[in-house]
Amino acid sequence: MTPLLHRPEVVAALGRASAPFLLVGGTADGAWDGAAARRLTPHVLEVPDADHGLLLPGPLARSAEVLGRVCTAVEEFVRLTGPA
């Protein structure tokens, strides 16, 4: 989660991965690059306005909802890529 996609060495390492992976990040995170994430894997959860901690501005309940979305994305990723 919240990979440092602004670092070329991180993007390069992810590009060499042979196993599927899920990337999760927020558009308000300076370390997130949604375009790079989508080039690297089809498994991406991008949260509008979330920062590096996946926190949203405003009431904390909004950020708690993000946690639920992350959990759902992980469940779906495991279902799609895990053992049959």
PDB file of N, CA and C in Angstrom:
ATOM      1  N   MET A   1       0.841  -1.192   0.000  1.00  0.00           N
ATOM      2  CA  MET A   1       0.000   0.000   0.000  1.00  0.00           C
ATOM      3  C   MET A   1       0.875   1.240   0.000  1.00  0.00           C
ATOM      4  N   THR A   2       0.375   2.248  -0.605  1.00  0.00           N
ATOM      5  CA  THR A   2       1.023   3.554  -0.762  1.00  0.00           C
ATOM      6  C   THR A   2       2.501   3.425  -1.142  1.00  0.00           C
ATOM      7  N   PRO A   3       2.770   2.715  -2.253  1.00  0.00           N
ATOM      8  CA  PRO A   3       4.158   2.553  -2.678  1.00  0.00           C
ATOM      9  C   PRO A   3       4.761   3.892  -3.110  1.00  0.00           C
ATOM     10  N   LEU A   4       6.058   3.962  -3.058  1.00  0.00           N
ATOM     11  CA  LEU A   4       6.772   5.188  -3.421  1.00  0.00           C
ATOM     12  C   LEU A   4       7.011   5.228  -4.932  1.00  0.00           C
ATOM     13  N   LEU A   5       5.930   5.427  -5.667  1.00  0.00           N
ATOM     14  CA  LEU A   5       6.008   5.375  -7.125  1.00  0.00           C
ATOM     15  C   LEU A   5       6.681   6.603  -7.730  1.00  0.00           C
ATOM     16  N   HIS A   6       7.049   7.557  -6.907  1.00  0.00           N
ATOM     17  CA  HIS A   6       7.821   8.699  -7.403  1.00  0.00           C
ATOM     18  C   HIS A   6       9.310   8.348  -7.455  1.00  0.00           C
ATOM     19  N   ARG A   7       9.672   7.167  -6.986  1.00  0.00           N
ATOM     20  CA  ARG A   7      11.063   6.715  -6.989  1.00  0.00           C
ATOM     21  C   ARG A   7      11.268   5.736  -8.141  1.00  0.00           C
ATOM     22  N   PRO A   8      12.113   6.080  -9.101  1.00  0.00           N
ATOM     23  CA  PRO A   8      12.310   5.209 -10.264  1.00  0.00           C
ATOM     24  C   PRO A   8      12.744   3.789  -9.906  1.00  0.00           C
ATOM     25  N   GLU A   9      13.549   3.645  -8.848  1.00  0.00           N
ATOM     26  CA  GLU A   9      14.006   2.300  -8.488  1.00  0.00           C
ATOM     27  C   GLU A   9      12.859   1.438  -7.972  1.00  0.00           C
ATOM     28  N   VAL A  10      11.863   2.050  -7.350  1.00  0.00           N
ATOM     29  CA  VAL A  10      10.695   1.300  -6.880  1.00  0.00           C
ATOM     30  C   VAL A  10       9.858   0.856  -8.080  1.00  0.00           C
ATOM     31  N   VAL A  11       9.637   1.757  -9.015  1.00  0.00           N
ATOM     32  CA  VAL A  11       8.877   1.420 -10.218  1.00  0.00           C
ATOM     33  C   VAL A  11       9.597   0.325 -11.000  1.00  0.00           C
ATOM     34  N   ALA A  12      10.920   0.436 -11.117  1.00  0.00           N
ATOM     35  CA  ALA A  12      11.694  -0.573 -11.843  1.00  0.00           C
ATOM     36  C   ALA A  12      11.590  -1.939 -11.157  1.00  0.00           C
ATOM     37  N   ALA A  13      11.702  -1.960  -9.845  1.00  0.00           N
ATOM     38  CA  ALA A  13      11.605  -3.234  -9.120  1.00  0.00           C
ATOM     39  C   ALA A  13      10.219  -3.857  -9.288  1.00  0.00           C
ATOM     40  N   LEU A  14       9.187  -3.044  -9.187  1.00  0.00           N
ATOM     41  CA  LEU A  14       7.832  -3.570  -9.386  1.00  0.00           C
ATOM     42  C   LEU A  14       7.661  -4.072 -10.819  1.00  0.00           C
ATOM     43  N   GLY A  15       8.275  -3.395 -11.750  1.00  0.00           N
ATOM     44  CA  GLY A  15       8.196  -3.814 -13.148  1.00  0.00           C
ATOM     45  C   GLY A  15       8.845  -5.168 -13.400  1.00  0.00           C
ATOM     46  N   ARG A  16       9.783  -5.545 -12.549  1.00  0.00           N
ATOM     47  CA  ARG A  16      10.452  -6.849 -12.690  1.00  0.00           C
ATOM     48  C   ARG A  16       9.711  -7.970 -11.963  1.00  0.00           C
ATOM     49  N   ALA A  17       8.697  -7.640 -11.208  1.00  0.00           N
ATOM     50  CA  ALA A  17       7.987  -8.661 -10.422  1.00  0.00           C
ATOM     51  C   ALA A  17       7.351  -9.698 -11.343  1.00  0.00           C
ATOM     52  N   SER A  18       7.443 -10.950 -10.936  1.00  0.00           N
ATOM     53  CA  SER A  18       6.839 -12.013 -11.740  1.00  0.00           C
ATOM     54  C   SER A  18       5.484 -12.449 -11.185  1.00  0.00           C
ATOM     55  N   ALA A  19       5.203 -12.095  -9.953  1.00  0.00           N
ATOM     56  CA  ALA A  19       3.922 -12.441  -9.338  1.00  0.00           C
ATOM     57  C   ALA A  19       2.974 -11.248  -9.420  1.00  0.00           C
ATOM     58  N   PRO A  20       1.684 -11.509  -9.473  1.00  0.00           N
ATOM     59  CA  PRO A  20       0.735 -10.386  -9.481  1.00  0.00           C
ATOM     60  C   PRO A  20       0.789  -9.625  -8.160  1.00  0.00           C
ATOM     61  N   PHE A  21       0.459  -8.351  -8.221  1.00  0.00           N
ATOM     62  CA  PHE A  21       0.451  -7.534  -7.007  1.00  0.00           C
ATOM     63  C   PHE A  21      -0.617  -6.466  -7.101  1.00  0.00           C
ATOM     64  N   LEU A  22      -1.047  -6.014  -5.936  1.00  0.00           N
ATOM     65  CA  LEU A  22      -2.056  -4.974  -5.786  1.00  0.00           C
ATOM     66  C   LEU A  22      -1.368  -3.702  -5.330  1.00  0.00           C
ATOM     67  N   LEU A  23      -1.675  -2.590  -5.961  1.00  0.00           N
ATOM     68  CA  LEU A  23      -1.158  -1.291  -5.536  1.00  0.00           C
ATOM     69  C   LEU A  23      -2.321  -0.438  -5.050  1.00  0.00           C
ATOM     70  N   VAL A  24      -2.114   0.223  -3.916  1.00  0.00           N
ATOM     71  CA  VAL A  24      -3.132   1.077  -3.317  1.00  0.00           C
ATOM     72  C   VAL A  24      -2.494   2.422  -3.013  1.00  0.00           C
ATOM     73  N   GLY A  25      -3.140   3.495  -3.444  1.00  0.00           N
ATOM     74  CA  GLY A  25      -2.607   4.821  -3.163  1.00  0.00           C
ATOM     75  C   GLY A  25      -3.674   5.884  -3.284  1.00  0.00           C
ATOM     76  N   GLY A  26      -3.309   7.067  -2.842  1.00  0.00           N
ATOM     77  CA  GLY A  26      -4.233   8.195  -2.871  1.00  0.00           C
ATOM     78  C   GLY A  26      -3.732   9.310  -3.759  1.00  0.00           C
ATOM     79  N   THR A  27      -4.655  10.020  -4.365  1.00  0.00           N
ATOM     80  CA  THR A  27      -4.283  11.071  -5.314  1.00  0.00           C
ATOM     81  C   THR A  27      -3.662  12.290  -4.646  1.00  0.00           C
ATOM     82  N   ALA A  28      -3.811  12.436  -3.325  1.00  0.00           N
ATOM     83  CA  ALA A  28      -3.189  13.556  -2.616  1.00  0.00           C
ATOM     84  C   ALA A  28      -1.825  13.179  -2.042  1.00  0.00           C
ATOM     85  N   ASP A  29      -1.320  12.030  -2.414  1.00  0.00           N
ATOM     86  CA  ASP A  29      -0.017  11.554  -1.955  1.00  0.00           C
ATOM     87  C   ASP A  29       1.026  11.881  -3.018  1.00  0.00           C
ATOM     88  N   GLY A  30       2.012  12.680  -2.660  1.00  0.00           N
ATOM     89  CA  GLY A  30       3.065  13.043  -3.600  1.00  0.00           C
ATOM     90  C   GLY A  30       3.900  11.866  -4.060  1.00  0.00           C
ATOM     91  N   ALA A  31       3.863  10.760  -3.340  1.00  0.00           N
ATOM     92  CA  ALA A  31       4.621   9.569  -3.710  1.00  0.00           C
ATOM     93  C   ALA A  31       3.834   8.651  -4.643  1.00  0.00           C
ATOM     94  N   TRP A  32       2.574   8.946  -4.872  1.00  0.00           N
ATOM     95  CA  TRP A  32       1.699   8.106  -5.692  1.00  0.00           C
ATOM     96  C   TRP A  32       1.707   8.605  -7.126  1.00  0.00           C
ATOM     97  N   ASP A  33       1.760   7.680  -8.059  1.00  0.00           N
ATOM     98  CA  ASP A  33       1.647   7.982  -9.482  1.00  0.00           C
ATOM     99  C   ASP A  33       0.653   6.989 -10.061  1.00  0.00           C
ATOM    100  N   GLY A  34      -0.585   7.420 -10.179  1.00  0.00           N
ATOM    101  CA  GLY A  34      -1.642   6.527 -10.628  1.00  0.00           C
ATOM    102  C   GLY A  34      -1.411   5.969 -12.014  1.00  0.00           C
ATOM    103  N   ALA A  35      -0.864   6.773 -12.909  1.00  0.00           N
ATOM    104  CA  ALA A  35      -0.593   6.289 -14.266  1.00  0.00           C
ATOM    105  C   ALA A  35       0.457   5.178 -14.232  1.00  0.00           C
ATOM    106  N   ALA A  36       1.502   5.363 -13.446  1.00  0.00           N
ATOM    107  CA  ALA A  36       2.530   4.320 -13.320  1.00  0.00           C
ATOM    108  C   ALA A  36       1.931   3.060 -12.698  1.00  0.00           C
ATOM    109  N   ALA A  37       1.103   3.228 -11.675  1.00  0.00           N
ATOM    110  CA  ALA A  37       0.477   2.076 -11.033  1.00  0.00           C
ATOM    111  C   ALA A  37      -0.324   1.269 -12.045  1.00  0.00           C
ATOM    112  N   ARG A  38      -1.109   1.947 -12.859  1.00  0.00           N
ATOM    113  CA  ARG A  38      -1.941   1.246 -13.840  1.00  0.00           C
ATOM    114  C   ARG A  38      -1.113   0.615 -14.960  1.00  0.00           C
ATOM    115  N   ARG A  39       0.076   1.170 -15.243  1.00  0.00           N
ATOM    116  CA  ARG A  39       0.973   0.529 -16.219  1.00  0.00           C
ATOM    117  C   ARG A  39       1.581  -0.746 -15.633  1.00  0.00           C
ATOM    118  N   LEU A  40       1.803  -0.750 -14.333  1.00  0.00           N
ATOM    119  CA  LEU A  40       2.478  -1.877 -13.684  1.00  0.00           C
ATOM    120  C   LEU A  40       1.573  -3.069 -13.419  1.00  0.00           C
ATOM    121  N   THR A  41       0.298  -2.816 -13.138  1.00  0.00           N
ATOM    122  CA  THR A  41      -0.607  -3.907 -12.754  1.00  0.00           C
ATOM    123  C   THR A  41      -2.054  -3.504 -13.024  1.00  0.00           C
ATOM    124  N   PRO A  42      -2.888  -4.475 -13.348  1.00  0.00           N
ATOM    125  CA  PRO A  42      -4.321  -4.171 -13.470  1.00  0.00           C
ATOM    126  C   PRO A  42      -5.005  -4.086 -12.104  1.00  0.00           C
ATOM    127  N   HIS A  43      -4.280  -4.433 -11.056  1.00  0.00           N
ATOM    128  CA  HIS A  43      -4.832  -4.484  -9.702  1.00  0.00           C
ATOM    129  C   HIS A  43      -4.454  -3.203  -8.961  1.00  0.00           C
ATOM    130  N   VAL A  44      -5.299  -2.196  -9.083  1.00  0.00           N
ATOM    131  CA  VAL A  44      -5.016  -0.887  -8.501  1.00  0.00           C
ATOM    132  C   VAL A  44      -6.268  -0.364  -7.805  1.00  0.00           C
ATOM    133  N   LEU A  45      -6.072   0.134  -6.598  1.00  0.00           N
ATOM    134  CA  LEU A  45      -7.115   0.897  -5.909  1.00  0.00           C
ATOM    135  C   LEU A  45      -6.551   2.291  -5.702  1.00  0.00           C
ATOM    136  N   GLU A  46      -7.133   3.263  -6.379  1.00  0.00           N
ATOM    137  CA  GLU A  46      -6.725   4.660  -6.248  1.00  0.00           C
ATOM    138  C   GLU A  46      -7.837   5.416  -5.535  1.00  0.00           C
ATOM    139  N   VAL A  47      -7.489   6.050  -4.429  1.00  0.00           N
ATOM    140  CA  VAL A  47      -8.476   6.732  -3.601  1.00  0.00           C
ATOM    141  C   VAL A  47      -8.357   8.242  -3.824  1.00  0.00           C
ATOM    142  N   PRO A  48      -9.366   8.851  -4.441  1.00  0.00           N
ATOM    143  CA  PRO A  48      -9.315  10.298  -4.662  1.00  0.00           C
ATOM    144  C   PRO A  48      -9.156  11.060  -3.346  1.00  0.00           C
ATOM    145  N   ASP A  49      -8.262  12.020  -3.355  1.00  0.00           N
ATOM    146  CA  ASP A  49      -8.017  12.944  -2.234  1.00  0.00           C
ATOM    147  C   ASP A  49      -7.345  12.321  -1.007  1.00  0.00           C
ATOM    148  N   ALA A  50      -6.997  11.038  -1.045  1.00  0.00           N
ATOM    149  CA  ALA A  50      -6.341  10.405   0.105  1.00  0.00           C
ATOM    150  C   ALA A  50      -4.848  10.721   0.091  1.00  0.00           C
ATOM    151  N   ASP A  51      -4.286  10.900   1.296  1.00  0.00           N
ATOM    152  CA  ASP A  51      -2.862  11.181   1.423  1.00  0.00           C
ATOM    153  C   ASP A  51      -2.070   9.879   1.567  1.00  0.00           C
ATOM    154  N   HIS A  52      -0.791   9.989   1.917  1.00  0.00           N
ATOM    155  CA  HIS A  52       0.072   8.805   2.005  1.00  0.00           C
ATOM    156  C   HIS A  52      -0.412   7.808   3.052  1.00  0.00           C
ATOM    157  N   GLY A  53      -1.080   8.274   4.076  1.00  0.00           N
ATOM    158  CA  GLY A  53      -1.650   7.384   5.088  1.00  0.00           C
ATOM    159  C   GLY A  53      -3.051   6.918   4.744  1.00  0.00           C
ATOM    160  N   LEU A  54      -3.501   7.230   3.532  1.00  0.00           N
ATOM    161  CA  LEU A  54      -4.847   6.929   3.050  1.00  0.00           C
ATOM    162  C   LEU A  54      -5.920   7.632   3.868  1.00  0.00           C
ATOM    163  N   LEU A  55      -5.548   8.766   4.454  1.00  0.00           N
ATOM    164  CA  LEU A  55      -6.509   9.589   5.182  1.00  0.00           C
ATOM    165  C   LEU A  55      -7.119  10.615   4.245  1.00  0.00           C
ATOM    166  N   LEU A  56      -8.388  10.863   4.451  1.00  0.00           N
ATOM    167  CA  LEU A  56      -9.111  11.862   3.672  1.00  0.00           C
ATOM    168  C   LEU A  56      -9.342  13.099   4.527  1.00  0.00           C
ATOM    169  N   PRO A  57      -9.442  14.256   3.898  1.00  0.00           N
ATOM    170  CA  PRO A  57      -9.807  15.443   4.671  1.00  0.00           C
ATOM    171  C   PRO A  57     -11.239  15.303   5.189  1.00  0.00           C
ATOM    172  N   GLY A  58     -11.515  15.962   6.285  1.00  0.00           N
ATOM    173  CA  GLY A  58     -12.868  15.940   6.831  1.00  0.00           C
ATOM    174  C   GLY A  58     -13.019  14.930   7.939  1.00  0.00           C
ATOM    175  N   PRO A  59     -14.251  14.523   8.209  1.00  0.00           N
ATOM    176  CA  PRO A  59     -14.520  13.601   9.317  1.00  0.00           C
ATOM    177  C   PRO A  59     -13.752  12.287   9.171  1.00  0.00           C
ATOM    178  N   LEU A  60     -13.261  11.782  10.290  1.00  0.00           N
ATOM    179  CA  LEU A  60     -12.486  10.547  10.300  1.00  0.00           C
ATOM    180  C   LEU A  60     -13.276   9.368   9.737  1.00  0.00           C
ATOM    181  N   ALA A  61     -14.578   9.425   9.824  1.00  0.00           N
ATOM    182  CA  ALA A  61     -15.408   8.335   9.297  1.00  0.00           C
ATOM    183  C   ALA A  61     -15.153   8.116   7.801  1.00  0.00           C
ATOM    184  N   ARG A  62     -14.833   9.184   7.080  1.00  0.00           N
ATOM    185  CA  ARG A  62     -14.523   9.038   5.648  1.00  0.00           C
ATOM    186  C   ARG A  62     -13.272   8.194   5.455  1.00  0.00           C
ATOM    187  N   SER A  63     -12.272   8.411   6.305  1.00  0.00           N
ATOM    188  CA  SER A  63     -11.041   7.626   6.213  1.00  0.00           C
ATOM    189  C   SER A  63     -11.290   6.182   6.625  1.00  0.00           C
ATOM    190  N   ALA A  64     -12.173   5.965   7.569  1.00  0.00           N
ATOM    191  CA  ALA A  64     -12.525   4.599   7.965  1.00  0.00           C
ATOM    192  C   ALA A  64     -13.182   3.867   6.802  1.00  0.00           C
ATOM    193  N   GLU A  65     -13.956   4.572   6.012  1.00  0.00           N
ATOM    194  CA  GLU A  65     -14.569   3.962   4.824  1.00  0.00           C
ATOM    195  C   GLU A  65     -13.496   3.534   3.832  1.00  0.00           C
ATOM    196  N   VAL A  66     -12.423   4.308   3.750  1.00  0.00           N
ATOM    197  CA  VAL A  66     -11.315   3.938   2.871  1.00  0.00           C
ATOM    198  C   VAL A  66     -10.727   2.607   3.317  1.00  0.00           C
ATOM    199  N   LEU A  67     -10.570   2.415   4.619  1.00  0.00           N
ATOM    200  CA  LEU A  67     -10.051   1.147   5.130  1.00  0.00           C
ATOM    201  C   LEU A  67     -10.931  -0.011   4.664  1.00  0.00           C
ATOM    202  N   GLY A  68     -12.233   0.176   4.689  1.00  0.00           N
ATOM    203  CA  GLY A  68     -13.137  -0.856   4.187  1.00  0.00           C
ATOM    204  C   GLY A  68     -12.923  -1.131   2.711  1.00  0.00           C
ATOM    205  N   ARG A  69     -12.704  -0.070   1.930  1.00  0.00           N
ATOM    206  CA  ARG A  69     -12.441  -0.254   0.494  1.00  0.00           C
ATOM    207  C   ARG A  69     -11.141  -1.009   0.268  1.00  0.00           C
ATOM    208  N   VAL A  70     -10.127  -0.707   1.079  1.00  0.00           N
ATOM    209  CA  VAL A  70      -8.845  -1.414   0.961  1.00  0.00           C
ATOM    210  C   VAL A  70      -9.039  -2.894   1.281  1.00  0.00           C
ATOM    211  N   CYS A  71      -9.753  -3.195   2.348  1.00  0.00           N
ATOM    212  CA  CYS A  71     -10.005  -4.593   2.718  1.00  0.00           C
ATOM    213  C   CYS A  71     -10.734  -5.331   1.601  1.00  0.00           C
ATOM    214  N   THR A  72     -11.717  -4.695   0.999  1.00  0.00           N
ATOM    215  CA  THR A  72     -12.451  -5.305  -0.107  1.00  0.00           C
ATOM    216  C   THR A  72     -11.534  -5.541  -1.301  1.00  0.00           C
ATOM    217  N   ALA A  73     -10.677  -4.572  -1.608  1.00  0.00           N
ATOM    218  CA  ALA A  73      -9.737  -4.726  -2.724  1.00  0.00           C
ATOM    219  C   ALA A  73      -8.780  -5.889  -2.478  1.00  0.00           C
ATOM    220  N   VAL A  74      -8.313  -6.038  -1.245  1.00  0.00           N
ATOM    221  CA  VAL A  74      -7.421  -7.153  -0.907  1.00  0.00           C
ATOM    222  C   VAL A  74      -8.167  -8.473  -1.053  1.00  0.00           C
ATOM    223  N   GLU A  75      -9.387  -8.548  -0.558  1.00  0.00           N
ATOM    224  CA  GLU A  75     -10.179  -9.770  -0.694  1.00  0.00           C
ATOM    225  C   GLU A  75     -10.372 -10.141  -2.161  1.00  0.00           C
ATOM    226  N   GLU A  76     -10.706  -9.161  -2.987  1.00  0.00           N
ATOM    227  CA  GLU A  76     -10.912  -9.421  -4.418  1.00  0.00           C
ATOM    228  C   GLU A  76      -9.612  -9.856  -5.084  1.00  0.00           C
ATOM    229  N   PHE A  77      -8.505  -9.209  -4.716  1.00  0.00           N
ATOM    230  CA  PHE A  77      -7.208  -9.572  -5.287  1.00  0.00           C
ATOM    231  C   PHE A  77      -6.865 -11.007  -4.937  1.00  0.00           C
ATOM    232  N   VAL A  78      -7.049 -11.389  -3.686  1.00  0.00           N
ATOM    233  CA  VAL A  78      -6.748 -12.766  -3.269  1.00  0.00           C
ATOM    234  C   VAL A  78      -7.652 -13.751  -3.990  1.00  0.00           C
ATOM    235  N   ARG A  79      -8.910 -13.389  -4.119  1.00  0.00           N
ATOM    236  CA  ARG A  79      -9.854 -14.278  -4.821  1.00  0.00           C
ATOM    237  C   ARG A  79      -9.428 -14.477  -6.280  1.00  0.00           C
ATOM    238  N   LEU A  80      -8.976 -13.404  -6.933  1.00  0.00           N
ATOM    239  CA  LEU A  80      -8.594 -13.478  -8.343  1.00  0.00           C
ATOM    240  C   LEU A  80      -7.239 -14.146  -8.568  1.00  0.00           C
ATOM    241  N   THR A  81      -6.319 -13.960  -7.646  1.00  0.00           N
ATOM    242  CA  THR A  81      -4.937 -14.405  -7.888  1.00  0.00           C
ATOM    243  C   THR A  81      -4.479 -15.538  -6.995  1.00  0.00           C
ATOM    244  N   GLY A  82      -5.278 -15.878  -5.991  1.00  0.00           N
ATOM    245  CA  GLY A  82      -4.876 -16.930  -5.065  1.00  0.00           C
ATOM    246  C   GLY A  82      -5.064 -18.311  -5.650  1.00  0.00           C
ATOM    247  N   PRO A  83      -4.675 -19.321  -4.883  1.00  0.00           N
ATOM    248  CA  PRO A  83      -4.834 -20.712  -5.350  1.00  0.00           C
ATOM    249  C   PRO A  83      -6.306 -21.029  -5.593  1.00  0.00           C
ATOM    250  N   ALA A  84      -6.531 -21.832  -6.588  1.00  0.00           N
ATOM    251  CA  ALA A  84      -7.908 -22.210  -6.963  1.00  0.00           C
ATOM    252  C   ALA A  84      -8.513 -23.176  -5.986  1.00  0.00           C
TER     253      ALA A  84
END
